[in-house]
N, C-alpha and C. Protein backbone atom coordinates (compact mmCIF):
# COMPACT_ATOMS: atom_id res chain seq x y z
N MET A 1 8.96 -16.48 20.63
CA MET A 1 7.59 -16.96 20.68
C MET A 1 7.31 -17.95 19.55
N VAL A 2 7.61 -17.53 18.34
CA VAL A 2 7.26 -18.35 17.18
C VAL A 2 8.07 -19.65 17.13
N GLU A 3 9.22 -19.66 17.75
CA GLU A 3 10.05 -20.87 17.71
C GLU A 3 9.39 -22.06 18.39
N ALA A 4 8.40 -21.82 19.23
CA ALA A 4 7.66 -22.92 19.87
C ALA A 4 6.70 -23.60 18.90
N TYR A 5 6.56 -23.06 17.71
CA TYR A 5 5.65 -23.59 16.69
C TYR A 5 6.45 -23.88 15.42
N PRO A 6 7.09 -25.05 15.32
CA PRO A 6 7.98 -25.35 14.19
C PRO A 6 7.31 -25.26 12.82
N ASP A 7 6.02 -25.62 12.73
CA ASP A 7 5.34 -25.55 11.43
C ASP A 7 5.15 -24.10 10.97
N ILE A 8 5.19 -23.17 11.90
CA ILE A 8 5.09 -21.74 11.58
C ILE A 8 6.48 -21.13 11.51
N ALA A 9 7.37 -21.53 12.41
CA ALA A 9 8.72 -20.95 12.50
C ALA A 9 9.52 -21.14 11.22
N CYS A 10 9.19 -22.15 10.45
CA CYS A 10 9.94 -22.39 9.21
C CYS A 10 9.77 -21.25 8.21
N TYR A 11 8.84 -20.36 8.44
CA TYR A 11 8.63 -19.21 7.55
C TYR A 11 9.41 -17.97 8.00
N TRP A 12 10.32 -18.17 8.95
CA TRP A 12 11.20 -17.10 9.42
C TRP A 12 12.65 -17.50 9.19
N ASP A 13 13.47 -16.51 8.89
CA ASP A 13 14.92 -16.70 8.85
C ASP A 13 15.46 -15.91 10.03
N PHE A 14 15.68 -16.59 11.14
CA PHE A 14 16.09 -15.91 12.37
C PHE A 14 17.51 -15.36 12.28
N ASP A 15 18.37 -16.00 11.50
CA ASP A 15 19.73 -15.49 11.34
C ASP A 15 19.73 -14.15 10.62
N ALA A 16 18.91 -14.04 9.59
CA ALA A 16 18.81 -12.80 8.81
C ALA A 16 17.79 -11.83 9.41
N MET A 17 17.07 -12.28 10.47
CA MET A 17 16.02 -11.46 11.10
C MET A 17 14.97 -11.02 10.08
N LYS A 18 14.48 -12.00 9.30
CA LYS A 18 13.47 -11.72 8.27
C LYS A 18 12.35 -12.75 8.32
N ALA A 19 11.16 -12.28 8.03
CA ALA A 19 10.05 -13.20 7.78
C ALA A 19 10.08 -13.52 6.29
N LYS A 20 9.86 -14.77 5.95
CA LYS A 20 9.89 -15.20 4.55
C LYS A 20 8.56 -14.98 3.85
N VAL A 21 7.51 -14.66 4.60
CA VAL A 21 6.18 -14.44 4.05
C VAL A 21 5.62 -13.14 4.61
N LYS A 22 4.60 -12.61 3.96
CA LYS A 22 3.95 -11.37 4.41
C LYS A 22 2.63 -11.64 5.12
N THR A 23 2.04 -12.81 4.86
CA THR A 23 0.76 -13.21 5.45
C THR A 23 0.67 -14.74 5.42
N SER A 24 -0.27 -15.28 6.15
CA SER A 24 -0.44 -16.74 6.15
C SER A 24 -1.24 -17.23 4.95
N GLU A 25 -1.79 -16.32 4.19
CA GLU A 25 -2.64 -16.69 3.06
C GLU A 25 -1.89 -17.63 2.10
N GLY A 26 -2.51 -18.77 1.84
CA GLY A 26 -1.94 -19.74 0.91
C GLY A 26 -0.94 -20.71 1.52
N LEU A 27 -0.62 -20.54 2.80
CA LEU A 27 0.33 -21.46 3.44
C LEU A 27 -0.38 -22.76 3.81
N PRO A 28 0.34 -23.88 3.77
CA PRO A 28 -0.26 -25.18 4.10
C PRO A 28 -0.34 -25.38 5.62
N LEU A 29 -1.13 -24.55 6.27
CA LEU A 29 -1.29 -24.59 7.72
C LEU A 29 -2.76 -24.77 8.07
N SER A 30 -3.01 -25.27 9.27
CA SER A 30 -4.39 -25.39 9.74
C SER A 30 -4.95 -23.99 10.00
N ARG A 31 -6.24 -23.92 10.23
CA ARG A 31 -6.89 -22.63 10.50
C ARG A 31 -6.28 -21.96 11.73
N GLY A 32 -6.09 -22.72 12.79
CA GLY A 32 -5.48 -22.18 14.00
C GLY A 32 -4.04 -21.73 13.78
N GLU A 33 -3.29 -22.52 13.03
CA GLU A 33 -1.91 -22.14 12.73
C GLU A 33 -1.86 -20.86 11.90
N CYS A 34 -2.80 -20.69 10.99
CA CYS A 34 -2.85 -19.45 10.20
C CYS A 34 -3.13 -18.24 11.09
N ILE A 35 -4.03 -18.42 12.05
CA ILE A 35 -4.33 -17.33 12.98
C ILE A 35 -3.07 -16.97 13.78
N LEU A 36 -2.39 -17.98 14.30
CA LEU A 36 -1.16 -17.72 15.04
C LEU A 36 -0.09 -17.10 14.16
N ALA A 37 0.05 -17.60 12.94
CA ALA A 37 1.05 -17.04 12.01
C ALA A 37 0.75 -15.56 11.77
N ASP A 38 -0.51 -15.22 11.55
CA ASP A 38 -0.86 -13.82 11.33
C ASP A 38 -0.60 -12.97 12.58
N PHE A 39 -0.81 -13.54 13.76
CA PHE A 39 -0.46 -12.83 14.99
C PHE A 39 1.04 -12.59 15.05
N PHE A 40 1.83 -13.65 14.84
CA PHE A 40 3.28 -13.52 14.89
C PHE A 40 3.79 -12.53 13.84
N LEU A 41 3.22 -12.59 12.64
CA LEU A 41 3.61 -11.64 11.60
C LEU A 41 3.24 -10.21 11.99
N SER A 42 2.10 -10.04 12.63
CA SER A 42 1.68 -8.70 13.08
C SER A 42 2.67 -8.15 14.09
N VAL A 43 3.11 -8.99 15.02
CA VAL A 43 4.11 -8.55 16.00
C VAL A 43 5.42 -8.25 15.28
N TRP A 44 5.80 -9.13 14.38
CA TRP A 44 7.08 -9.00 13.67
C TRP A 44 7.14 -7.69 12.88
N PHE A 45 6.07 -7.39 12.15
CA PHE A 45 6.05 -6.19 11.30
C PHE A 45 5.57 -4.94 12.04
N GLY A 46 5.05 -5.10 13.25
CA GLY A 46 4.57 -3.95 14.01
C GLY A 46 3.31 -3.32 13.45
N ARG A 47 2.51 -4.13 12.75
CA ARG A 47 1.23 -3.67 12.20
C ARG A 47 0.33 -4.89 12.01
N ASN A 48 -0.96 -4.66 11.90
CA ASN A 48 -1.88 -5.77 11.76
C ASN A 48 -1.70 -6.47 10.41
N VAL A 49 -1.52 -7.76 10.47
CA VAL A 49 -1.40 -8.59 9.27
C VAL A 49 -2.54 -9.61 9.31
N ASN A 50 -3.75 -9.13 9.03
CA ASN A 50 -4.92 -9.99 8.93
C ASN A 50 -5.22 -10.76 10.22
N PHE A 51 -4.82 -10.20 11.38
CA PHE A 51 -5.09 -10.87 12.65
C PHE A 51 -6.40 -10.33 13.22
N ASP A 52 -7.27 -11.25 13.65
CA ASP A 52 -8.58 -10.89 14.19
C ASP A 52 -8.74 -11.55 15.56
N PHE A 53 -8.84 -10.71 16.62
CA PHE A 53 -8.99 -11.24 17.98
C PHE A 53 -10.23 -12.10 18.13
N ILE A 54 -11.33 -11.71 17.51
CA ILE A 54 -12.58 -12.46 17.63
C ILE A 54 -12.44 -13.85 17.02
N ARG A 55 -11.85 -13.90 15.85
CA ARG A 55 -11.61 -15.20 15.19
C ARG A 55 -10.68 -16.05 16.05
N ALA A 56 -9.62 -15.43 16.58
CA ALA A 56 -8.67 -16.16 17.43
C ALA A 56 -9.37 -16.71 18.68
N ALA A 57 -10.23 -15.91 19.29
CA ALA A 57 -10.94 -16.34 20.50
C ALA A 57 -11.83 -17.54 20.24
N GLY A 58 -12.40 -17.60 19.06
CA GLY A 58 -13.32 -18.68 18.73
C GLY A 58 -12.66 -19.95 18.24
N VAL A 59 -11.39 -19.88 17.86
CA VAL A 59 -10.74 -21.03 17.22
C VAL A 59 -9.60 -21.61 18.06
N LEU A 60 -8.79 -20.77 18.65
CA LEU A 60 -7.56 -21.24 19.30
C LEU A 60 -7.81 -21.94 20.63
N SER A 61 -6.90 -22.83 20.96
CA SER A 61 -6.92 -23.49 22.27
C SER A 61 -6.55 -22.46 23.34
N ASN A 62 -6.85 -22.79 24.58
CA ASN A 62 -6.51 -21.88 25.68
C ASN A 62 -5.01 -21.62 25.75
N ASP A 63 -4.19 -22.65 25.50
CA ASP A 63 -2.74 -22.45 25.52
C ASP A 63 -2.30 -21.45 24.46
N ASN A 64 -2.87 -21.56 23.27
CA ASN A 64 -2.51 -20.62 22.20
C ASN A 64 -3.06 -19.22 22.47
N LYS A 65 -4.24 -19.14 23.05
CA LYS A 65 -4.79 -17.83 23.44
C LYS A 65 -3.88 -17.18 24.48
N ARG A 66 -3.33 -18.00 25.38
CA ARG A 66 -2.46 -17.49 26.44
C ARG A 66 -1.20 -16.86 25.85
N VAL A 67 -0.66 -17.41 24.78
CA VAL A 67 0.51 -16.81 24.11
C VAL A 67 0.17 -15.38 23.69
N ILE A 68 -1.01 -15.21 23.11
CA ILE A 68 -1.43 -13.90 22.63
C ILE A 68 -1.72 -12.96 23.80
N THR A 69 -2.44 -13.43 24.80
CA THR A 69 -2.78 -12.54 25.92
C THR A 69 -1.53 -12.18 26.73
N ASN A 70 -0.59 -13.10 26.87
CA ASN A 70 0.67 -12.76 27.55
C ASN A 70 1.39 -11.66 26.80
N TRP A 71 1.43 -11.76 25.49
CA TRP A 71 2.07 -10.70 24.69
C TRP A 71 1.30 -9.39 24.84
N PHE A 72 -0.03 -9.47 24.82
CA PHE A 72 -0.86 -8.27 24.94
C PHE A 72 -0.60 -7.56 26.27
N MET A 73 -0.40 -8.32 27.33
CA MET A 73 -0.16 -7.73 28.66
C MET A 73 1.25 -7.17 28.80
N ASP A 74 2.19 -7.66 28.01
CA ASP A 74 3.58 -7.21 28.07
C ASP A 74 4.17 -7.23 26.66
N PRO A 75 3.72 -6.30 25.80
CA PRO A 75 4.12 -6.36 24.38
C PRO A 75 5.60 -6.07 24.17
N PHE A 76 6.12 -6.68 23.14
CA PHE A 76 7.49 -6.44 22.69
C PHE A 76 7.52 -6.65 21.18
N TRP A 77 8.53 -6.09 20.53
CA TRP A 77 8.68 -6.25 19.09
C TRP A 77 10.12 -6.67 18.82
N PRO A 78 10.31 -7.46 17.76
CA PRO A 78 11.67 -7.90 17.45
C PRO A 78 12.56 -6.75 17.01
């Protein structure tokens, strides 16, 4: 999922199966990218990492909301 977003994917080491950050706080990303990063981190760690559905609904494009709702309908964890 995250690989479709190169500006966010750079914070993952897929070979080592590790996230390089714990939250989007302080990252040089747009507001929407931070929301997506926190969603991806929440999925990655299997716990909420500052992700807010209401904030996501008000900020993200329909395509980005679809990524989240598709995961919600058929969740998986790395």
